[in-house]
């Protein structure tokens, strides 16, 4: 199990660092163009929390399914873990995309009324 957790932790740390640096660059660009950083919506923060929450649940489900597949079939353990983690993580991001698209459509309809 440690063989999976260490690379997964390292990957998560790299993603977090890239995210923090990108957010910093976005704020600096806003300030450079005369806008205040407070113009960033709070909804964006809650949407990001939803996105990362869904992604983490998807990754966890992928790891569990990878374990089930590697124990019940003749598929190699590495292939089962890696493929299920990516598939479930991707599905969770597609769910998030659908939720946001529906939310945007609902807001557009409310603004027209």
N, C-alpha and C. Protein backbone atom coordinates (compact mmCIF):
# COMPACT_ATOMS: atom_id res chain seq x y z
N UNK A 1 0.82 -1.19 0.00
CA UNK A 1 0.00 0.00 0.00
C UNK A 1 0.87 1.27 0.00
N UNK A 2 2.04 1.19 0.66
CA UNK A 2 2.93 2.35 0.68
C UNK A 2 3.43 2.70 -0.71
N UNK A 3 3.50 1.68 -1.59
CA UNK A 3 3.97 1.92 -2.94
C UNK A 3 3.02 2.84 -3.70
N UNK A 4 1.77 2.87 -3.30
CA UNK A 4 0.76 3.72 -3.94
C UNK A 4 0.68 5.08 -3.26
N UNK A 5 0.73 5.09 -1.93
CA UNK A 5 0.50 6.33 -1.19
C UNK A 5 1.62 7.35 -1.37
N UNK A 6 2.85 6.92 -1.43
CA UNK A 6 3.97 7.86 -1.56
C UNK A 6 3.92 8.60 -2.90
N UNK A 7 3.78 7.93 -4.04
CA UNK A 7 3.67 8.68 -5.30
C UNK A 7 2.41 9.53 -5.37
N UNK A 8 1.31 9.01 -4.82
CA UNK A 8 0.07 9.78 -4.81
C UNK A 8 0.22 11.05 -3.98
N UNK A 9 0.87 10.93 -2.84
CA UNK A 9 1.13 12.11 -2.00
C UNK A 9 2.04 13.11 -2.68
N UNK A 10 3.06 12.62 -3.35
CA UNK A 10 3.98 13.51 -4.06
C UNK A 10 3.25 14.23 -5.20
N UNK A 11 2.42 13.51 -5.94
CA UNK A 11 1.66 14.11 -7.03
C UNK A 11 0.70 15.16 -6.49
N UNK A 12 0.03 14.87 -5.39
CA UNK A 12 -0.90 15.82 -4.78
C UNK A 12 -0.17 17.08 -4.35
N UNK A 13 1.02 16.93 -3.79
CA UNK A 13 1.79 18.08 -3.36
C UNK A 13 2.18 18.96 -4.55
N UNK A 14 2.59 18.35 -5.65
CA UNK A 14 2.95 19.11 -6.85
C UNK A 14 1.74 19.86 -7.39
N UNK A 15 0.58 19.20 -7.45
CA UNK A 15 -0.64 19.85 -7.93
C UNK A 15 -1.01 21.03 -7.04
N UNK A 16 -0.90 20.86 -5.73
CA UNK A 16 -1.23 21.94 -4.80
C UNK A 16 -0.29 23.14 -4.99
N UNK A 17 0.98 22.89 -5.19
CA UNK A 17 1.94 23.98 -5.38
C UNK A 17 1.64 24.73 -6.68
N UNK A 18 1.36 24.00 -7.75
CA UNK A 18 1.03 24.63 -9.03
C UNK A 18 -0.25 25.46 -8.89
N UNK A 19 -1.24 24.93 -8.18
CA UNK A 19 -2.50 25.65 -7.98
C UNK A 19 -2.26 26.94 -7.21
N UNK A 20 -1.48 26.89 -6.15
CA UNK A 20 -1.20 28.08 -5.34
C UNK A 20 -0.46 29.13 -6.17
N UNK A 21 0.52 28.70 -6.96
CA UNK A 21 1.26 29.65 -7.79
C UNK A 21 0.37 30.27 -8.87
N UNK A 22 -0.52 29.49 -9.46
CA UNK A 22 -1.43 30.02 -10.48
C UNK A 22 -2.40 31.02 -9.87
N UNK A 23 -2.88 30.73 -8.69
CA UNK A 23 -3.81 31.66 -8.01
C UNK A 23 -3.10 32.96 -7.65
N UNK A 24 -1.84 32.86 -7.23
CA UNK A 24 -1.06 34.05 -6.90
C UNK A 24 -0.87 34.91 -8.16
N UNK A 25 -0.55 34.26 -9.27
CA UNK A 25 -0.35 34.98 -10.53
C UNK A 25 -1.65 35.68 -10.95
N UNK A 26 -2.78 35.01 -10.77
CA UNK A 26 -4.07 35.60 -11.11
C UNK A 26 -4.33 36.86 -10.28
N UNK A 27 -4.06 36.79 -9.01
CA UNK A 27 -4.26 37.96 -8.13
C UNK A 27 -3.31 39.10 -8.48
N UNK A 28 -2.06 38.77 -8.77
CA UNK A 28 -1.11 39.81 -9.15
C UNK A 28 -1.51 40.50 -10.45
N UNK A 29 -2.04 39.74 -11.40
CA UNK A 29 -2.51 40.31 -12.65
C UNK A 29 -3.69 41.25 -12.42
N UNK A 30 -4.60 40.85 -11.53
CA UNK A 30 -5.73 41.73 -11.19
C UNK A 30 -5.24 43.05 -10.60
N UNK A 31 -4.31 42.97 -9.68
CA UNK A 31 -3.78 44.18 -9.05
C UNK A 31 -3.05 45.04 -10.07
N UNK A 32 -2.31 44.40 -10.97
CA UNK A 32 -1.56 45.12 -11.99
C UNK A 32 -2.49 45.92 -12.91
N UNK A 33 -3.67 45.39 -13.19
CA UNK A 33 -4.62 46.06 -14.06
C UNK A 33 -5.57 46.99 -13.31
N UNK A 34 -5.27 47.25 -12.05
CA UNK A 34 -6.04 48.21 -11.28
C UNK A 34 -7.26 47.65 -10.58
N UNK A 35 -7.50 46.39 -10.71
CA UNK A 35 -8.64 45.78 -10.02
C UNK A 35 -8.19 45.31 -8.64
N UNK A 36 -9.15 45.19 -7.77
CA UNK A 36 -8.86 44.72 -6.43
C UNK A 36 -9.01 43.20 -6.39
N UNK A 37 -8.18 42.55 -5.61
CA UNK A 37 -8.25 41.10 -5.53
C UNK A 37 -9.55 40.63 -4.89
N UNK A 38 -10.25 41.53 -4.22
CA UNK A 38 -11.53 41.16 -3.61
C UNK A 38 -12.62 40.97 -4.66
N UNK A 39 -12.33 41.32 -5.93
CA UNK A 39 -13.32 41.13 -6.97
C UNK A 39 -13.50 39.66 -7.33
N UNK A 40 -12.57 38.81 -6.86
CA UNK A 40 -12.74 37.38 -7.09
C UNK A 40 -13.97 36.92 -6.32
N UNK A 41 -14.80 36.16 -6.98
CA UNK A 41 -16.04 35.73 -6.36
C UNK A 41 -15.76 34.70 -5.27
N UNK A 42 -16.57 34.75 -4.22
CA UNK A 42 -16.50 33.71 -3.21
C UNK A 42 -17.07 32.41 -3.76
N UNK A 43 -17.96 32.51 -4.74
CA UNK A 43 -18.51 31.30 -5.35
C UNK A 43 -17.41 30.46 -5.96
N UNK A 44 -16.39 31.12 -6.52
CA UNK A 44 -15.29 30.39 -7.14
C UNK A 44 -14.60 29.51 -6.11
N UNK A 45 -14.41 30.04 -4.89
CA UNK A 45 -13.77 29.26 -3.84
C UNK A 45 -14.62 28.06 -3.47
N UNK A 46 -15.92 28.26 -3.34
CA UNK A 46 -16.77 27.13 -2.99
C UNK A 46 -16.85 26.14 -4.15
N UNK A 47 -16.82 26.62 -5.39
CA UNK A 47 -16.82 25.72 -6.54
C UNK A 47 -15.53 24.91 -6.59
N UNK A 48 -14.41 25.55 -6.27
CA UNK A 48 -13.14 24.83 -6.23
C UNK A 48 -13.17 23.75 -5.15
N UNK A 49 -13.78 24.06 -4.01
CA UNK A 49 -13.88 23.07 -2.95
C UNK A 49 -14.71 21.88 -3.41
N UNK A 50 -15.80 22.17 -4.11
CA UNK A 50 -16.63 21.09 -4.64
C UNK A 50 -15.85 20.25 -5.65
N UNK A 51 -15.12 20.92 -6.54
CA UNK A 51 -14.36 20.21 -7.56
C UNK A 51 -13.31 19.30 -6.93
N UNK A 52 -12.54 19.82 -5.99
CA UNK A 52 -11.49 19.01 -5.38
C UNK A 52 -12.07 17.93 -4.47
N UNK A 53 -13.20 18.22 -3.83
CA UNK A 53 -13.87 17.20 -3.03
C UNK A 53 -14.33 16.04 -3.88
N UNK A 54 -14.97 16.35 -5.01
CA UNK A 54 -15.39 15.29 -5.92
C UNK A 54 -14.20 14.51 -6.47
N UNK A 55 -13.13 15.23 -6.78
CA UNK A 55 -11.93 14.56 -7.30
C UNK A 55 -11.33 13.61 -6.28
N UNK A 56 -11.25 14.05 -5.03
CA UNK A 56 -10.68 13.19 -3.99
C UNK A 56 -11.56 11.95 -3.75
N UNK A 57 -12.88 12.13 -3.77
CA UNK A 57 -13.78 10.98 -3.63
C UNK A 57 -13.59 10.04 -4.81
N UNK A 58 -13.47 10.60 -6.02
CA UNK A 58 -13.24 9.77 -7.20
C UNK A 58 -11.94 8.99 -7.11
N UNK A 59 -10.89 9.63 -6.65
CA UNK A 59 -9.60 8.95 -6.51
C UNK A 59 -9.70 7.84 -5.47
N UNK A 60 -10.38 8.12 -4.35
CA UNK A 60 -10.53 7.10 -3.31
C UNK A 60 -11.32 5.90 -3.83
N UNK A 61 -12.41 6.18 -4.56
CA UNK A 61 -13.18 5.08 -5.14
C UNK A 61 -12.35 4.30 -6.16
N UNK A 62 -11.53 5.02 -6.91
CA UNK A 62 -10.65 4.35 -7.87
C UNK A 62 -9.66 3.42 -7.21
N UNK A 63 -9.11 3.84 -6.09
CA UNK A 63 -8.17 2.99 -5.35
C UNK A 63 -8.89 1.75 -4.82
N UNK A 64 -10.10 1.96 -4.27
CA UNK A 64 -10.87 0.81 -3.77
C UNK A 64 -11.23 -0.15 -4.90
N UNK A 65 -11.70 0.38 -6.02
CA UNK A 65 -12.05 -0.47 -7.16
C UNK A 65 -10.81 -1.17 -7.73
N UNK A 66 -9.69 -0.46 -7.74
CA UNK A 66 -8.44 -1.08 -8.20
C UNK A 66 -8.07 -2.27 -7.34
N UNK A 67 -8.26 -2.14 -6.03
CA UNK A 67 -7.98 -3.24 -5.12
C UNK A 67 -8.91 -4.42 -5.39
N UNK A 68 -10.19 -4.13 -5.57
CA UNK A 68 -11.16 -5.19 -5.85
C UNK A 68 -10.81 -5.90 -7.15
N UNK A 69 -10.50 -5.13 -8.18
CA UNK A 69 -10.17 -5.72 -9.48
C UNK A 69 -8.89 -6.54 -9.41
N UNK A 70 -7.87 -6.03 -8.71
CA UNK A 70 -6.61 -6.77 -8.65
C UNK A 70 -6.76 -8.06 -7.85
N UNK A 71 -7.66 -8.09 -6.88
CA UNK A 71 -7.86 -9.29 -6.07
C UNK A 71 -8.75 -10.32 -6.75
N UNK A 72 -9.69 -9.86 -7.58
CA UNK A 72 -10.67 -10.79 -8.15
C UNK A 72 -10.36 -11.22 -9.58
N UNK A 73 -9.46 -10.54 -10.26
CA UNK A 73 -9.14 -10.90 -11.63
C UNK A 73 -7.64 -11.15 -11.77
N UNK A 74 -7.24 -11.47 -12.97
CA UNK A 74 -5.81 -11.73 -13.21
C UNK A 74 -5.07 -10.48 -13.71
N UNK A 75 -5.74 -9.32 -13.64
CA UNK A 75 -5.09 -8.07 -14.06
C UNK A 75 -4.00 -7.72 -13.04
N UNK A 76 -2.89 -7.21 -13.54
CA UNK A 76 -1.80 -6.83 -12.65
C UNK A 76 -2.25 -5.74 -11.70
N UNK A 77 -1.69 -5.76 -10.50
CA UNK A 77 -2.09 -4.83 -9.45
C UNK A 77 -1.86 -3.37 -9.86
N UNK A 78 -0.70 -3.07 -10.45
CA UNK A 78 -0.39 -1.69 -10.83
C UNK A 78 -1.37 -1.16 -11.86
N UNK A 79 -1.69 -2.01 -12.83
CA UNK A 79 -2.62 -1.60 -13.89
C UNK A 79 -4.00 -1.35 -13.31
N UNK A 80 -4.45 -2.21 -12.42
CA UNK A 80 -5.78 -2.06 -11.83
C UNK A 80 -5.87 -0.76 -11.03
N UNK A 81 -4.89 -0.49 -10.18
CA UNK A 81 -4.92 0.72 -9.36
C UNK A 81 -4.85 1.97 -10.23
N UNK A 82 -3.90 2.00 -11.13
CA UNK A 82 -3.68 3.19 -11.95
C UNK A 82 -4.90 3.48 -12.83
N UNK A 83 -5.41 2.46 -13.50
CA UNK A 83 -6.54 2.69 -14.41
C UNK A 83 -7.80 3.09 -13.66
N UNK A 84 -8.11 2.43 -12.58
CA UNK A 84 -9.33 2.75 -11.83
C UNK A 84 -9.24 4.13 -11.18
N UNK A 85 -8.04 4.51 -10.71
CA UNK A 85 -7.87 5.83 -10.12
C UNK A 85 -8.12 6.92 -11.17
N UNK A 86 -7.54 6.74 -12.36
CA UNK A 86 -7.73 7.74 -13.41
C UNK A 86 -9.16 7.77 -13.92
N UNK A 87 -9.77 6.60 -14.10
CA UNK A 87 -11.14 6.55 -14.60
C UNK A 87 -12.10 7.21 -13.60
N UNK A 88 -12.00 6.84 -12.34
CA UNK A 88 -12.92 7.40 -11.33
C UNK A 88 -12.65 8.89 -11.10
N UNK A 89 -11.38 9.30 -11.11
CA UNK A 89 -11.07 10.72 -10.99
C UNK A 89 -11.62 11.51 -12.16
N UNK A 90 -11.49 10.97 -13.38
CA UNK A 90 -12.04 11.62 -14.57
C UNK A 90 -13.55 11.71 -14.52
N UNK A 91 -14.20 10.64 -14.09
CA UNK A 91 -15.66 10.66 -13.98
C UNK A 91 -16.11 11.72 -12.97
N UNK A 92 -15.38 11.85 -11.87
CA UNK A 92 -15.77 12.86 -10.88
C UNK A 92 -15.63 14.27 -11.45
N UNK A 93 -14.61 14.51 -12.27
CA UNK A 93 -14.47 15.83 -12.90
C UNK A 93 -15.56 16.07 -13.94
N UNK A 94 -15.98 15.02 -14.65
CA UNK A 94 -17.10 15.17 -15.58
C UNK A 94 -18.40 15.46 -14.84
N UNK A 95 -18.59 14.85 -13.68
CA UNK A 95 -19.77 15.15 -12.86
C UNK A 95 -19.74 16.61 -12.43
N UNK A 96 -18.58 17.09 -12.01
CA UNK A 96 -18.45 18.49 -11.62
C UNK A 96 -18.77 19.41 -12.79
N UNK A 97 -18.27 19.08 -13.97
CA UNK A 97 -18.53 19.88 -15.16
C UNK A 97 -20.03 19.95 -15.44
N UNK A 98 -20.70 18.82 -15.36
CA UNK A 98 -22.14 18.79 -15.58
C UNK A 98 -22.89 19.62 -14.54
N UNK A 99 -22.46 19.53 -13.30
CA UNK A 99 -23.11 20.31 -12.24
C UNK A 99 -22.93 21.81 -12.49
N UNK A 100 -21.75 22.23 -12.88
CA UNK A 100 -21.50 23.65 -13.11
C UNK A 100 -22.24 24.14 -14.35
N UNK A 101 -22.33 23.32 -15.37
CA UNK A 101 -23.07 23.69 -16.58
C UNK A 101 -24.54 23.88 -16.25
N UNK A 102 -25.10 22.98 -15.45
CA UNK A 102 -26.49 23.09 -15.03
C UNK A 102 -26.69 24.33 -14.16
N UNK A 103 -25.74 24.59 -13.27
CA UNK A 103 -25.82 25.77 -12.39
C UNK A 103 -25.78 27.05 -13.22
N UNK A 104 -24.90 27.12 -14.20
CA UNK A 104 -24.82 28.30 -15.07
C UNK A 104 -26.09 28.49 -15.87
N UNK A 105 -26.66 27.39 -16.35
CA UNK A 105 -27.90 27.46 -17.12
C UNK A 105 -29.05 27.95 -16.23
N UNK A 106 -29.11 27.47 -15.01
CA UNK A 106 -30.14 27.91 -14.06
C UNK A 106 -30.00 29.39 -13.74
N UNK A 107 -28.75 29.86 -13.55
CA UNK A 107 -28.52 31.28 -13.28
C UNK A 107 -28.91 32.15 -14.48
N UNK A 108 -28.63 31.65 -15.68
CA UNK A 108 -28.98 32.38 -16.90
C UNK A 108 -30.50 32.51 -17.02
N UNK A 109 -31.21 31.46 -16.68
CA UNK A 109 -32.68 31.52 -16.74
C UNK A 109 -33.24 32.46 -15.67
N UNK A 110 -32.64 32.48 -14.50
CA UNK A 110 -33.10 33.39 -13.42
C UNK A 110 -32.87 34.85 -13.80
N UNK A 111 -31.76 35.13 -14.48
CA UNK A 111 -31.45 36.50 -14.87
C UNK A 111 -32.40 37.00 -15.94
N UNK A 112 -32.89 36.10 -16.81
CA UNK A 112 -33.82 36.50 -17.86
C UNK A 112 -35.20 36.83 -17.29
N UNK A 113 -35.56 36.20 -16.15
CA UNK A 113 -36.89 36.44 -15.55
C UNK A 113 -36.97 37.74 -14.86
